[in-house]
Amino acid sequence: MPDPSTLSAWGLPGLFLVAAMAGSVVPVPSEAVLAALIYGGTAPALAIGVATTGNVLGALSLYVLGRWVARGGGGPLGRWYTRRRAKEGPRMERVEARVRTWGAPALLMSWLPVVGDAFVIAGGMLGVRPLPFVLFVTLGKGLRYLFVALSTAAAL
């Protein structure tokens, strides 16, 4: 993976792409690219909007995976999820319990590293409706990028 300064040379399209990958299961430094772009002079509000949009679209891929697996989907993605769930069994069970208890608002936790993906997949598996899913995931991920942008701006 190239360093964040190389990724930031791609500008906002690069930020969108990196954020979309980070919203799925690919571990890429979307926050570092956001910070590099803001440091380079990109308007923070625009960078936050692009990063959030890309990250939410990436999260939708996990949501769809969760819905598909819950409906009995198989194939390589279903097997991947089954292995991941077995590996993270107790953590995934706690996440699913929180989503069952709190419903869509639990998806505010989607911004968290590693466990955030579990919230997104659980939202799909447990049948959270698409509109509340998008609203709460957007809010959670947008707040994370806002924090990174404010921290970057404060450091300038």
N, C-alpha and C. Protein backbone atom coordinates (compact mmCIF):
# COMPACT_ATOMS: atom_id res chain seq x y z
N MET A 1 0.85 -1.17 0.00
CA MET A 1 0.00 0.00 0.00
C MET A 1 0.90 1.24 0.00
N PRO A 2 0.63 2.17 -0.92
CA PRO A 2 1.43 3.41 -0.93
C PRO A 2 1.19 4.23 0.34
N ASP A 3 2.13 5.12 0.60
CA ASP A 3 1.98 5.95 1.80
C ASP A 3 0.90 7.01 1.57
N PRO A 4 0.37 7.62 2.64
CA PRO A 4 -0.73 8.59 2.52
C PRO A 4 -0.41 9.78 1.63
N SER A 5 0.85 10.21 1.58
CA SER A 5 1.16 11.36 0.73
C SER A 5 1.00 11.00 -0.74
N THR A 6 1.32 9.77 -1.12
CA THR A 6 1.11 9.33 -2.50
C THR A 6 -0.39 9.25 -2.79
N LEU A 7 -1.14 8.69 -1.85
CA LEU A 7 -2.58 8.59 -2.04
C LEU A 7 -3.22 9.96 -2.11
N SER A 8 -2.73 10.92 -1.35
CA SER A 8 -3.32 12.25 -1.37
C SER A 8 -3.04 12.96 -2.69
N ALA A 9 -2.01 12.52 -3.42
CA ALA A 9 -1.74 13.12 -4.73
C ALA A 9 -2.86 12.82 -5.71
N TRP A 10 -3.65 11.81 -5.43
CA TRP A 10 -4.79 11.48 -6.29
C TRP A 10 -5.95 12.44 -6.05
N GLY A 11 -5.86 13.26 -5.02
CA GLY A 11 -6.88 14.26 -4.73
C GLY A 11 -8.16 13.64 -4.18
N LEU A 12 -9.26 14.34 -4.42
CA LEU A 12 -10.55 13.89 -3.89
C LEU A 12 -11.01 12.55 -4.48
N PRO A 13 -10.78 12.27 -5.78
CA PRO A 13 -11.14 10.93 -6.27
C PRO A 13 -10.37 9.82 -5.54
N GLY A 14 -9.11 10.07 -5.23
CA GLY A 14 -8.34 9.09 -4.48
C GLY A 14 -8.87 8.91 -3.07
N LEU A 15 -9.25 10.03 -2.44
CA LEU A 15 -9.84 9.96 -1.10
C LEU A 15 -11.12 9.14 -1.13
N PHE A 16 -11.96 9.38 -2.13
CA PHE A 16 -13.21 8.63 -2.26
C PHE A 16 -12.93 7.14 -2.38
N LEU A 17 -11.99 6.78 -3.25
CA LEU A 17 -11.66 5.38 -3.47
C LEU A 17 -11.10 4.73 -2.20
N VAL A 18 -10.18 5.40 -1.54
CA VAL A 18 -9.58 4.85 -0.33
C VAL A 18 -10.63 4.73 0.78
N ALA A 19 -11.49 5.72 0.91
CA ALA A 19 -12.54 5.67 1.94
C ALA A 19 -13.53 4.55 1.65
N ALA A 20 -13.85 4.33 0.38
CA ALA A 20 -14.76 3.23 0.03
C ALA A 20 -14.14 1.89 0.39
N MET A 21 -12.85 1.73 0.09
CA MET A 21 -12.18 0.48 0.45
C MET A 21 -12.13 0.32 1.97
N ALA A 22 -11.85 1.41 2.68
CA ALA A 22 -11.79 1.34 4.15
C ALA A 22 -13.15 1.02 4.75
N GLY A 23 -14.22 1.40 4.09
CA GLY A 23 -15.56 1.10 4.58
C GLY A 23 -15.93 -0.35 4.41
N SER A 24 -15.23 -1.04 3.51
CA SER A 24 -15.46 -2.47 3.36
C SER A 24 -14.49 -3.18 4.30
N VAL A 25 -13.85 -4.23 3.85
CA VAL A 25 -12.95 -4.97 4.74
C VAL A 25 -11.49 -4.73 4.44
N VAL A 26 -11.19 -3.80 3.53
CA VAL A 26 -9.80 -3.55 3.15
C VAL A 26 -9.22 -2.51 4.11
N PRO A 27 -8.17 -2.85 4.85
CA PRO A 27 -7.59 -1.91 5.80
C PRO A 27 -6.67 -0.90 5.11
N VAL A 28 -7.21 0.25 4.76
CA VAL A 28 -6.42 1.32 4.15
C VAL A 28 -6.55 2.59 4.98
N PRO A 29 -5.57 3.48 4.90
CA PRO A 29 -5.52 4.66 5.78
C PRO A 29 -6.35 5.84 5.28
N SER A 30 -7.65 5.72 5.29
CA SER A 30 -8.48 6.82 4.77
C SER A 30 -8.34 8.09 5.61
N GLU A 31 -8.17 7.95 6.91
CA GLU A 31 -8.01 9.13 7.76
C GLU A 31 -6.72 9.87 7.45
N ALA A 32 -5.65 9.11 7.16
CA ALA A 32 -4.37 9.74 6.82
C ALA A 32 -4.46 10.48 5.50
N VAL A 33 -5.18 9.91 4.54
CA VAL A 33 -5.36 10.59 3.25
C VAL A 33 -6.19 11.86 3.45
N LEU A 34 -7.23 11.79 4.25
CA LEU A 34 -8.05 12.96 4.55
C LEU A 34 -7.19 14.06 5.17
N ALA A 35 -6.40 13.70 6.15
CA ALA A 35 -5.53 14.68 6.82
C ALA A 35 -4.53 15.27 5.84
N ALA A 36 -3.94 14.44 4.97
CA ALA A 36 -2.96 14.93 4.00
C ALA A 36 -3.60 15.91 3.03
N LEU A 37 -4.83 15.63 2.59
CA LEU A 37 -5.51 16.54 1.68
C LEU A 37 -5.83 17.87 2.35
N ILE A 38 -6.29 17.82 3.58
CA ILE A 38 -6.60 19.06 4.30
C ILE A 38 -5.31 19.85 4.54
N TYR A 39 -4.26 19.15 4.90
CA TYR A 39 -2.97 19.80 5.09
C TYR A 39 -2.51 20.45 3.78
N GLY A 40 -2.84 19.83 2.66
CA GLY A 40 -2.46 20.35 1.35
C GLY A 40 -3.35 21.47 0.84
N GLY A 41 -4.39 21.82 1.60
CA GLY A 41 -5.22 22.95 1.21
C GLY A 41 -6.63 22.65 0.76
N THR A 42 -7.02 21.39 0.74
CA THR A 42 -8.39 21.05 0.38
C THR A 42 -9.34 21.53 1.46
N ALA A 43 -10.49 22.06 1.06
CA ALA A 43 -11.48 22.54 2.02
C ALA A 43 -11.92 21.37 2.90
N PRO A 44 -11.84 21.53 4.23
CA PRO A 44 -12.21 20.42 5.13
C PRO A 44 -13.63 19.90 4.91
N ALA A 45 -14.59 20.78 4.71
CA ALA A 45 -15.98 20.32 4.54
C ALA A 45 -16.11 19.43 3.31
N LEU A 46 -15.45 19.81 2.23
CA LEU A 46 -15.51 19.01 1.00
C LEU A 46 -14.83 17.66 1.21
N ALA A 47 -13.68 17.66 1.85
CA ALA A 47 -12.95 16.41 2.10
C ALA A 47 -13.76 15.49 3.02
N ILE A 48 -14.40 16.06 4.04
CA ILE A 48 -15.23 15.25 4.94
C ILE A 48 -16.39 14.63 4.17
N GLY A 49 -17.03 15.41 3.32
CA GLY A 49 -18.16 14.90 2.53
C GLY A 49 -17.76 13.78 1.60
N VAL A 50 -16.63 13.94 0.92
CA VAL A 50 -16.16 12.91 -0.01
C VAL A 50 -15.77 11.64 0.75
N ALA A 51 -15.03 11.79 1.84
CA ALA A 51 -14.60 10.63 2.62
C ALA A 51 -15.80 9.89 3.21
N THR A 52 -16.75 10.63 3.75
CA THR A 52 -17.92 10.01 4.36
C THR A 52 -18.73 9.26 3.31
N THR A 53 -18.94 9.89 2.16
CA THR A 53 -19.71 9.25 1.09
C THR A 53 -19.04 7.95 0.65
N GLY A 54 -17.75 8.00 0.40
CA GLY A 54 -17.03 6.79 0.00
C GLY A 54 -17.07 5.71 1.06
N ASN A 55 -16.90 6.10 2.32
CA ASN A 55 -16.88 5.13 3.40
C ASN A 55 -18.24 4.47 3.60
N VAL A 56 -19.31 5.25 3.47
CA VAL A 56 -20.66 4.69 3.61
C VAL A 56 -20.95 3.74 2.45
N LEU A 57 -20.53 4.09 1.24
CA LEU A 57 -20.74 3.17 0.12
C LEU A 57 -19.96 1.87 0.32
N GLY A 58 -18.76 1.96 0.88
CA GLY A 58 -18.03 0.75 1.22
C GLY A 58 -18.75 -0.08 2.27
N ALA A 59 -19.32 0.61 3.26
CA ALA A 59 -20.07 -0.10 4.31
C ALA A 59 -21.32 -0.78 3.73
N LEU A 60 -21.90 -0.19 2.71
CA LEU A 60 -23.07 -0.82 2.09
C LEU A 60 -22.72 -2.18 1.50
N SER A 61 -21.47 -2.36 1.06
CA SER A 61 -21.09 -3.68 0.54
C SER A 61 -21.14 -4.73 1.66
N LEU A 62 -20.73 -4.33 2.87
CA LEU A 62 -20.81 -5.26 4.01
C LEU A 62 -22.26 -5.49 4.43
N TYR A 63 -23.08 -4.45 4.35
CA TYR A 63 -24.50 -4.57 4.67
C TYR A 63 -25.16 -5.58 3.74
N VAL A 64 -24.88 -5.43 2.44
CA VAL A 64 -25.45 -6.35 1.45
C VAL A 64 -24.95 -7.77 1.70
N LEU A 65 -23.67 -7.91 2.04
CA LEU A 65 -23.13 -9.23 2.38
C LEU A 65 -23.89 -9.83 3.56
N GLY A 66 -24.11 -9.03 4.60
CA GLY A 66 -24.86 -9.52 5.76
C GLY A 66 -26.26 -9.95 5.40
N ARG A 67 -26.95 -9.15 4.58
CA ARG A 67 -28.31 -9.51 4.15
C ARG A 67 -28.30 -10.81 3.36
N TRP A 68 -27.32 -10.92 2.46
CA TRP A 68 -27.25 -12.08 1.59
C TRP A 68 -26.96 -13.35 2.39
N VAL A 69 -26.00 -13.28 3.31
CA VAL A 69 -25.66 -14.45 4.12
C VAL A 69 -26.84 -14.83 5.01
N ALA A 70 -27.55 -13.84 5.56
CA ALA A 70 -28.70 -14.13 6.42
C ALA A 70 -29.80 -14.85 5.66
N ARG A 71 -29.86 -14.61 4.37
CA ARG A 71 -30.88 -15.26 3.54
C ARG A 71 -30.39 -16.59 2.97
N GLY A 72 -29.25 -17.07 3.46
CA GLY A 72 -28.74 -18.36 3.03
C GLY A 72 -27.77 -18.30 1.88
N GLY A 73 -27.24 -17.13 1.59
CA GLY A 73 -26.27 -16.99 0.50
C GLY A 73 -25.01 -17.79 0.78
N GLY A 74 -24.47 -18.35 -0.25
CA GLY A 74 -23.26 -19.14 -0.09
C GLY A 74 -22.14 -18.55 -0.90
N GLY A 75 -21.41 -19.40 -1.52
CA GLY A 75 -20.31 -18.94 -2.34
C GLY A 75 -19.13 -18.49 -1.50
N PRO A 76 -18.12 -17.93 -2.16
CA PRO A 76 -16.91 -17.53 -1.44
C PRO A 76 -17.16 -16.48 -0.37
N LEU A 77 -18.04 -15.52 -0.63
CA LEU A 77 -18.31 -14.49 0.38
C LEU A 77 -19.00 -15.07 1.61
N GLY A 78 -19.93 -15.97 1.38
CA GLY A 78 -20.60 -16.62 2.50
C GLY A 78 -19.63 -17.44 3.34
N ARG A 79 -18.73 -18.13 2.67
CA ARG A 79 -17.72 -18.92 3.40
C ARG A 79 -16.77 -18.01 4.16
N TRP A 80 -16.38 -16.87 3.52
CA TRP A 80 -15.51 -15.90 4.20
C TRP A 80 -16.19 -15.40 5.47
N TYR A 81 -17.47 -15.05 5.37
CA TYR A 81 -18.17 -14.53 6.55
C TYR A 81 -18.27 -15.61 7.62
N THR A 82 -18.57 -16.83 7.23
CA THR A 82 -18.68 -17.92 8.20
C THR A 82 -17.36 -18.11 8.95
N ARG A 83 -16.23 -18.05 8.22
CA ARG A 83 -14.92 -18.17 8.89
C ARG A 83 -14.69 -16.99 9.82
N ARG A 84 -15.01 -15.79 9.37
CA ARG A 84 -14.78 -14.60 10.20
C ARG A 84 -15.64 -14.65 11.46
N ARG A 85 -16.88 -15.08 11.31
CA ARG A 85 -17.78 -15.15 12.46
C ARG A 85 -17.30 -16.20 13.45
N ALA A 86 -16.79 -17.32 12.94
CA ALA A 86 -16.25 -18.35 13.83
C ALA A 86 -15.03 -17.84 14.58
N LYS A 87 -14.19 -17.09 13.88
CA LYS A 87 -12.98 -16.54 14.50
C LYS A 87 -13.31 -15.49 15.55
N GLU A 88 -14.31 -14.68 15.29
CA GLU A 88 -14.68 -13.59 16.19
C GLU A 88 -16.00 -13.89 16.90
N GLY A 89 -16.28 -15.14 17.15
CA GLY A 89 -17.56 -15.56 17.71
C GLY A 89 -18.10 -14.73 18.86
N PRO A 90 -17.41 -14.68 20.01
CA PRO A 90 -17.96 -13.94 21.14
C PRO A 90 -18.14 -12.45 20.85
N ARG A 91 -17.19 -11.86 20.14
CA ARG A 91 -17.31 -10.43 19.82
C ARG A 91 -18.50 -10.19 18.89
N MET A 92 -18.65 -11.06 17.88
CA MET A 92 -19.76 -10.91 16.95
C MET A 92 -21.10 -11.12 17.65
N GLU A 93 -21.15 -12.05 18.59
CA GLU A 93 -22.39 -12.27 19.34
C GLU A 93 -22.75 -11.04 20.18
N ARG A 94 -21.75 -10.40 20.79
CA ARG A 94 -22.01 -9.17 21.56
C ARG A 94 -22.50 -8.05 20.65
N VAL A 95 -21.89 -7.93 19.48
CA VAL A 95 -22.31 -6.90 18.53
C VAL A 95 -23.74 -7.15 18.08
N GLU A 96 -24.05 -8.39 17.74
CA GLU A 96 -25.41 -8.72 17.30
C GLU A 96 -26.42 -8.44 18.42
N ALA A 97 -26.04 -8.73 19.65
CA ALA A 97 -26.94 -8.46 20.78
C ALA A 97 -27.20 -6.97 20.90
N ARG A 98 -26.16 -6.16 20.72
CA ARG A 98 -26.35 -4.70 20.79
C ARG A 98 -27.24 -4.20 19.68
N VAL A 99 -27.07 -4.74 18.47
CA VAL A 99 -27.91 -4.31 17.35
C VAL A 99 -29.34 -4.76 17.58
N ARG A 100 -29.53 -5.96 18.13
CA ARG A 100 -30.90 -6.40 18.44
C ARG A 100 -31.54 -5.50 19.49
N THR A 101 -30.76 -5.11 20.51
CA THR A 101 -31.28 -4.29 21.60
C THR A 101 -31.55 -2.86 21.16
N TRP A 102 -30.57 -2.25 20.51
CA TRP A 102 -30.65 -0.83 20.17
C TRP A 102 -31.17 -0.56 18.77
N GLY A 103 -31.18 -1.56 17.90
CA GLY A 103 -31.64 -1.36 16.54
C GLY A 103 -30.67 -0.51 15.74
N ALA A 104 -31.19 0.25 14.81
CA ALA A 104 -30.35 1.06 13.91
C ALA A 104 -29.42 2.03 14.64
N PRO A 105 -29.82 2.65 15.76
CA PRO A 105 -28.88 3.56 16.43
C PRO A 105 -27.57 2.90 16.85
N ALA A 106 -27.55 1.59 17.02
CA ALA A 106 -26.30 0.90 17.35
C ALA A 106 -25.28 1.05 16.24
N LEU A 107 -25.74 1.36 15.03
CA LEU A 107 -24.84 1.51 13.89
C LEU A 107 -23.99 2.78 13.98
N LEU A 108 -24.29 3.63 14.94
CA LEU A 108 -23.39 4.77 15.18
C LEU A 108 -21.99 4.27 15.52
N MET A 109 -21.90 3.04 16.03
CA MET A 109 -20.62 2.46 16.41
C MET A 109 -19.83 1.95 15.20
N SER A 110 -20.37 2.12 14.00
CA SER A 110 -19.69 1.64 12.80
C SER A 110 -18.38 2.35 12.54
N TRP A 111 -18.15 3.47 13.19
CA TRP A 111 -16.90 4.21 12.99
C TRP A 111 -15.71 3.55 13.67
N LEU A 112 -15.96 2.66 14.61
CA LEU A 112 -14.87 2.04 15.37
C LEU A 112 -13.98 1.17 14.50
N PRO A 113 -12.68 1.20 14.74
CA PRO A 113 -11.78 0.31 14.00
C PRO A 113 -12.10 -1.15 14.32
N VAL A 114 -12.00 -2.01 13.37
CA VAL A 114 -12.18 -3.46 13.45
C VAL A 114 -13.62 -3.84 13.80
N VAL A 115 -14.09 -3.51 14.97
CA VAL A 115 -15.42 -3.92 15.41
C VAL A 115 -16.52 -3.17 14.65
N GLY A 116 -16.21 -2.03 14.06
CA GLY A 116 -17.21 -1.29 13.28
C GLY A 116 -17.74 -2.11 12.12
N ASP A 117 -16.86 -2.89 11.48
CA ASP A 117 -17.31 -3.77 10.39
C ASP A 117 -18.32 -4.79 10.91
N ALA A 118 -18.10 -5.27 12.10
CA ALA A 118 -19.03 -6.25 12.68
C ALA A 118 -20.41 -5.62 12.89
N PHE A 119 -20.46 -4.36 13.31
CA PHE A 119 -21.76 -3.69 13.46
C PHE A 119 -22.47 -3.59 12.11
N VAL A 120 -21.71 -3.26 11.08
CA VAL A 120 -22.30 -3.09 9.75
C VAL A 120 -22.85 -4.43 9.25
N ILE A 121 -22.06 -5.49 9.36
CA ILE A 121 -22.51 -6.81 8.91
C ILE A 121 -23.71 -7.26 9.73
N ALA A 122 -23.66 -7.04 11.04
CA ALA A 122 -24.78 -7.42 11.91
C ALA A 122 -26.04 -6.66 11.51
N GLY A 123 -25.88 -5.39 11.16
CA GLY A 123 -27.05 -4.63 10.70
C GLY A 123 -27.70 -5.27 9.49
N GLY A 124 -26.89 -5.74 8.56
CA GLY A 124 -27.44 -6.43 7.39
C GLY A 124 -28.05 -7.76 7.75
N MET A 125 -27.35 -8.53 8.58
CA MET A 125 -27.86 -9.86 8.94
C MET A 125 -29.16 -9.80 9.72
N LEU A 126 -29.27 -8.77 10.57
CA LEU A 126 -30.46 -8.69 11.42
C LEU A 126 -31.58 -7.89 10.77
N GLY A 127 -31.38 -7.48 9.54
CA GLY A 127 -32.47 -6.87 8.78
C GLY A 127 -32.77 -5.41 9.10
N VAL A 128 -31.77 -4.64 9.52
CA VAL A 128 -32.00 -3.20 9.69
C VAL A 128 -32.39 -2.65 8.33
N ARG A 129 -33.44 -1.85 8.29
CA ARG A 129 -33.91 -1.29 7.02
C ARG A 129 -32.85 -0.38 6.41
N PRO A 130 -32.79 -0.29 5.08
CA PRO A 130 -31.74 0.48 4.41
C PRO A 130 -31.66 1.96 4.80
N LEU A 131 -32.77 2.66 4.89
CA LEU A 131 -32.70 4.09 5.19
C LEU A 131 -32.14 4.36 6.58
N PRO A 132 -32.64 3.72 7.65
CA PRO A 132 -32.00 3.93 8.96
C PRO A 132 -30.54 3.49 8.97
N PHE A 133 -30.24 2.42 8.25
CA PHE A 133 -28.85 1.97 8.16
C PHE A 133 -27.97 3.09 7.62
N VAL A 134 -28.35 3.63 6.48
CA VAL A 134 -27.54 4.68 5.84
C VAL A 134 -27.45 5.91 6.74
N LEU A 135 -28.55 6.30 7.38
CA LEU A 135 -28.54 7.50 8.22
C LEU A 135 -27.58 7.34 9.41
N PHE A 136 -27.67 6.25 10.13
CA PHE A 136 -26.83 6.09 11.32
C PHE A 136 -25.37 5.80 10.99
N VAL A 137 -25.13 5.04 9.93
CA VAL A 137 -23.75 4.78 9.52
C VAL A 137 -23.11 6.08 9.02
N THR A 138 -23.86 6.87 8.26
CA THR A 138 -23.35 8.16 7.78
C THR A 138 -23.01 9.07 8.95
N LEU A 139 -23.88 9.13 9.93
CA LEU A 139 -23.62 9.97 11.09
C LEU A 139 -22.37 9.50 11.85
N GLY A 140 -22.25 8.21 12.10
CA GLY A 140 -21.10 7.69 12.83
C GLY A 140 -19.79 7.92 12.09
N LYS A 141 -19.77 7.57 10.81
CA LYS A 141 -18.54 7.71 10.03
C LYS A 141 -18.23 9.18 9.76
N GLY A 142 -19.26 9.99 9.54
CA GLY A 142 -19.05 11.42 9.31
C GLY A 142 -18.46 12.10 10.53
N LEU A 143 -18.91 11.72 11.72
CA LEU A 143 -18.34 12.30 12.94
C LEU A 143 -16.87 11.93 13.11
N ARG A 144 -16.51 10.70 12.72
CA ARG A 144 -15.10 10.30 12.79
C ARG A 144 -14.26 11.18 11.87
N TYR A 145 -14.71 11.37 10.64
CA TYR A 145 -13.95 12.20 9.70
C TYR A 145 -13.95 13.67 10.14
N LEU A 146 -15.02 14.13 10.75
CA LEU A 146 -15.04 15.49 11.27
C LEU A 146 -13.97 15.66 12.35
N PHE A 147 -13.85 14.69 13.23
CA PHE A 147 -12.84 14.73 14.28
C PHE A 147 -11.43 14.78 13.68
N VAL A 148 -11.18 13.94 12.67
CA VAL A 148 -9.87 13.93 12.01
C VAL A 148 -9.60 15.27 11.36
N ALA A 149 -10.60 15.83 10.69
CA ALA A 149 -10.43 17.12 10.01
C ALA A 149 -10.18 18.25 11.01
N LEU A 150 -10.93 18.25 12.10
CA LEU A 150 -10.72 19.29 13.12
C LEU A 150 -9.33 19.16 13.77
N SER A 151 -8.91 17.93 14.01
CA SER A 151 -7.59 17.71 14.58
C SER A 151 -6.50 18.16 13.62
N THR A 152 -6.69 17.90 12.34
CA THR A 152 -5.72 18.33 11.34
C THR A 152 -5.67 19.84 11.25
N ALA A 153 -6.85 20.48 11.19
CA ALA A 153 -6.90 21.93 11.09
C ALA A 153 -6.28 22.59 12.32
N ALA A 154 -6.48 21.99 13.49
CA ALA A 154 -5.90 22.55 14.71
C ALA A 154 -4.37 22.45 14.70
N ALA A 155 -3.86 21.44 14.02
CA ALA A 155 -2.41 21.25 13.97
C ALA A 155 -1.72 22.17 12.97
N LEU A 156 -2.51 22.76 12.08
CA LEU A 156 -1.90 23.63 11.04
C LEU A 156 -1.43 24.93 11.62
